[in-house]
Amino acid sequence: MIQCLSIKIFCLICLIHPVDVFFASNGNNQVVYMTLVGSFPFNSFLSGVLSCIGTAVLAVCLRIQVNKENKEFKDLPPERAFADFVLGNLVLHLVIMNFLG
């Protein structure tokens, strides 16, 4: 039972990697688009890029907290780490929506 649970958590950690790649590539695509086309609504560009980068950073933090090999967060349950991730995303996107006006 415990071995199966640890395999499930490891698989969940592996699922976070494509999410990080998606957000990083999405932010990179926005920067490339801005350099090619221009940055007329600059606050929209900043909001989009900061949203992608911030979500990628929060996903990396989630991966670090859920990883059982990390000795700093071994007492932290995965549910608490996910709640931190959701709350951090909520605050991040509320700030970004406020920045858009």
C-alpha atoms as a PDB file:
ATOM      1  CA  MET A   1       0.000   0.000   0.000  1.00  0.00           C
ATOM      2  CA  ILE A   2       2.724   2.475   0.954  1.00  0.00           C
ATOM      3  CA  GLN A   3       4.779   1.544  -2.102  1.00  0.00           C
ATOM      4  CA  CYS A   4       1.758   2.091  -4.351  1.00  0.00           C
ATOM      5  CA  LEU A   5       1.128   5.473  -2.729  1.00  0.00           C
ATOM      6  CA  SER A   6       4.732   6.527  -3.258  1.00  0.00           C
ATOM      7  CA  ILE A   7       4.512   5.484  -6.921  1.00  0.00           C
ATOM      8  CA  LYS A   8       1.359   7.589  -7.323  1.00  0.00           C
ATOM      9  CA  ILE A   9       3.069  10.615  -5.773  1.00  0.00           C
ATOM     10  CA  PHE A  10       6.088  10.090  -8.042  1.00  0.00           C
ATOM     11  CA  CYS A  11       3.769   9.964 -11.061  1.00  0.00           C
ATOM     12  CA  LEU A  12       2.133  13.194  -9.903  1.00  0.00           C
ATOM     13  CA  ILE A  13       5.561  14.814  -9.663  1.00  0.00           C
ATOM     14  CA  CYS A  14       6.252  13.667 -13.236  1.00  0.00           C
ATOM     15  CA  LEU A  15       2.977  15.275 -14.378  1.00  0.00           C
ATOM     16  CA  ILE A  16       4.135  18.660 -13.091  1.00  0.00           C
ATOM     17  CA  HIS A  17       7.045  18.748 -15.587  1.00  0.00           C
ATOM     18  CA  PRO A  18       4.895  19.164 -18.737  1.00  0.00           C
ATOM     19  CA  VAL A  19       2.936  21.901 -16.979  1.00  0.00           C
ATOM     20  CA  ASP A  20       6.183  23.773 -16.281  1.00  0.00           C
ATOM     21  CA  VAL A  21       7.303  23.354 -19.879  1.00  0.00           C
ATOM     22  CA  PHE A  22       3.933  24.590 -21.157  1.00  0.00           C
ATOM     23  CA  PHE A  23       3.960  27.753 -19.048  1.00  0.00           C
ATOM     24  CA  ALA A  24       7.597  28.522 -19.792  1.00  0.00           C
ATOM     25  CA  SER A  25       7.092  28.040 -23.538  1.00  0.00           C
ATOM     26  CA  ASN A  26       3.899  30.100 -23.431  1.00  0.00           C
ATOM     27  CA  GLY A  27       5.776  32.974 -21.777  1.00  0.00           C
ATOM     28  CA  ASN A  28       8.582  32.586 -24.302  1.00  0.00           C
ATOM     29  CA  ASN A  29       6.073  32.680 -27.184  1.00  0.00           C
ATOM     30  CA  GLN A  30       4.627  35.906 -25.813  1.00  0.00           C
ATOM     31  CA  VAL A  31       8.074  37.508 -25.673  1.00  0.00           C
ATOM     32  CA  VAL A  32       8.829  36.429 -29.250  1.00  0.00           C
ATOM     33  CA  TYR A  33       5.452  37.757 -30.419  1.00  0.00           C
ATOM     34  CA  MET A  34       6.113  41.071 -28.676  1.00  0.00           C
ATOM     35  CA  THR A  35       9.510  41.453 -30.348  1.00  0.00           C
ATOM     36  CA  LEU A  36       8.091  40.642 -33.790  1.00  0.00           C
ATOM     37  CA  VAL A  37       4.792  42.532 -33.712  1.00  0.00           C
ATOM     38  CA  GLY A  38       5.256  45.190 -31.066  1.00  0.00           C
ATOM     39  CA  SER A  39       4.070  45.880 -27.570  1.00  0.00           C
ATOM     40  CA  PHE A  40       1.156  48.244 -28.005  1.00  0.00           C
ATOM     41  CA  PRO A  41      -0.789  47.202 -24.895  1.00  0.00           C
ATOM     42  CA  PHE A  42       2.336  46.839 -22.773  1.00  0.00           C
ATOM     43  CA  ASN A  43       0.413  46.145 -19.561  1.00  0.00           C
ATOM     44  CA  SER A  44      -1.315  43.198 -21.265  1.00  0.00           C
ATOM     45  CA  PHE A  45       2.048  41.842 -22.369  1.00  0.00           C
ATOM     46  CA  LEU A  46       3.472  42.176 -18.866  1.00  0.00           C
ATOM     47  CA  SER A  47       0.405  40.558 -17.343  1.00  0.00           C
ATOM     48  CA  GLY A  48       0.578  37.593 -19.697  1.00  0.00           C
ATOM     49  CA  VAL A  49       4.284  36.993 -19.244  1.00  0.00           C
ATOM     50  CA  LEU A  50       4.199  37.457 -15.468  1.00  0.00           C
ATOM     51  CA  SER A  51       1.218  35.125 -15.241  1.00  0.00           C
ATOM     52  CA  CYS A  52       3.072  32.396 -17.136  1.00  0.00           C
ATOM     53  CA  ILE A  53       6.329  32.830 -15.249  1.00  0.00           C
ATOM     54  CA  GLY A  54       4.596  33.097 -11.868  1.00  0.00           C
ATOM     55  CA  THR A  55       2.535  29.967 -12.463  1.00  0.00           C
ATOM     56  CA  ALA A  56       5.633  28.062 -13.587  1.00  0.00           C
ATOM     57  CA  VAL A  57       7.493  29.145 -10.445  1.00  0.00           C
ATOM     58  CA  LEU A  58       4.579  28.087  -8.251  1.00  0.00           C
ATOM     59  CA  ALA A  59       4.465  24.707 -10.027  1.00  0.00           C
ATOM     60  CA  VAL A  60       8.175  24.219  -9.361  1.00  0.00           C
ATOM     61  CA  CYS A  61       7.558  25.049  -5.701  1.00  0.00           C
ATOM     62  CA  LEU A  62       4.755  22.485  -5.632  1.00  0.00           C
ATOM     63  CA  ARG A  63       7.058  19.873  -7.131  1.00  0.00           C
ATOM     64  CA  ILE A  64       9.739  20.613  -4.543  1.00  0.00           C
ATOM     65  CA  GLN A  65       7.261  20.397  -1.657  1.00  0.00           C
ATOM     66  CA  VAL A  66       5.647  17.146  -2.845  1.00  0.00           C
ATOM     67  CA  ASN A  67       8.952  15.381  -3.501  1.00  0.00           C
ATOM     68  CA  LYS A  68       9.560  12.958  -0.640  1.00  0.00           C
ATOM     69  CA  GLU A  69      13.318  12.944  -1.228  1.00  0.00           C
ATOM     70  CA  ASN A  70      13.477  16.594  -0.142  1.00  0.00           C
ATOM     71  CA  LYS A  71      14.281  16.590   3.554  1.00  0.00           C
ATOM     72  CA  GLU A  72      13.089  20.151   4.218  1.00  0.00           C
ATOM     73  CA  PHE A  73       9.434  19.400   3.464  1.00  0.00           C
ATOM     74  CA  LYS A  74       9.188  15.772   4.571  1.00  0.00           C
ATOM     75  CA  ASP A  75       6.639  16.608   7.293  1.00  0.00           C
ATOM     76  CA  LEU A  76       4.456  18.642   4.908  1.00  0.00           C
ATOM     77  CA  PRO A  77       1.478  16.657   3.576  1.00  0.00           C
ATOM     78  CA  PRO A  78       0.859  16.785  -0.202  1.00  0.00           C
ATOM     79  CA  GLU A  79      -2.606  18.261   0.385  1.00  0.00           C
ATOM     80  CA  ARG A  80      -1.081  21.243   2.167  1.00  0.00           C
ATOM     81  CA  ALA A  81       1.424  21.738  -0.657  1.00  0.00           C
ATOM     82  CA  PHE A  82      -1.401  21.696  -3.208  1.00  0.00           C
ATOM     83  CA  ALA A  83      -3.423  24.141  -1.103  1.00  0.00           C
ATOM     84  CA  ASP A  84      -0.392  26.474  -1.045  1.00  0.00           C
ATOM     85  CA  PHE A  85      -0.153  26.147  -4.827  1.00  0.00           C
ATOM     86  CA  VAL A  86      -3.834  26.978  -5.332  1.00  0.00           C
ATOM     87  CA  LEU A  87      -3.759  29.908  -2.908  1.00  0.00           C
ATOM     88  CA  GLY A  88      -0.573  31.264  -4.490  1.00  0.00           C
ATOM     89  CA  ASN A  89      -2.135  31.040  -7.955  1.00  0.00           C
ATOM     90  CA  LEU A  90      -5.274  32.763  -6.719  1.00  0.00           C
ATOM     91  CA  VAL A  91      -3.294  35.672  -5.247  1.00  0.00           C
ATOM     92  CA  LEU A  92      -1.046  35.871  -8.319  1.00  0.00           C
ATOM     93  CA  HIS A  93      -3.933  36.062 -10.741  1.00  0.00           C
ATOM     94  CA  LEU A  94      -5.879  38.531  -8.603  1.00  0.00           C
ATOM     95  CA  VAL A  95      -2.844  40.824  -8.679  1.00  0.00           C
ATOM     96  CA  ILE A  96      -2.506  40.358 -12.435  1.00  0.00           C
ATOM     97  CA  MET A  97      -6.197  41.125 -13.010  1.00  0.00           C
ATOM     98  CA  ASN A  98      -5.819  44.243 -10.875  1.00  0.00           C
ATOM     99  CA  PHE A  99      -2.759  45.239 -12.923  1.00  0.00           C
ATOM    100  CA  LEU A 100      -4.749  44.933 -16.158  1.00  0.00           C
ATOM    101  CA  GLY A 101      -7.199  47.490 -14.873  1.00  0.00           C
END
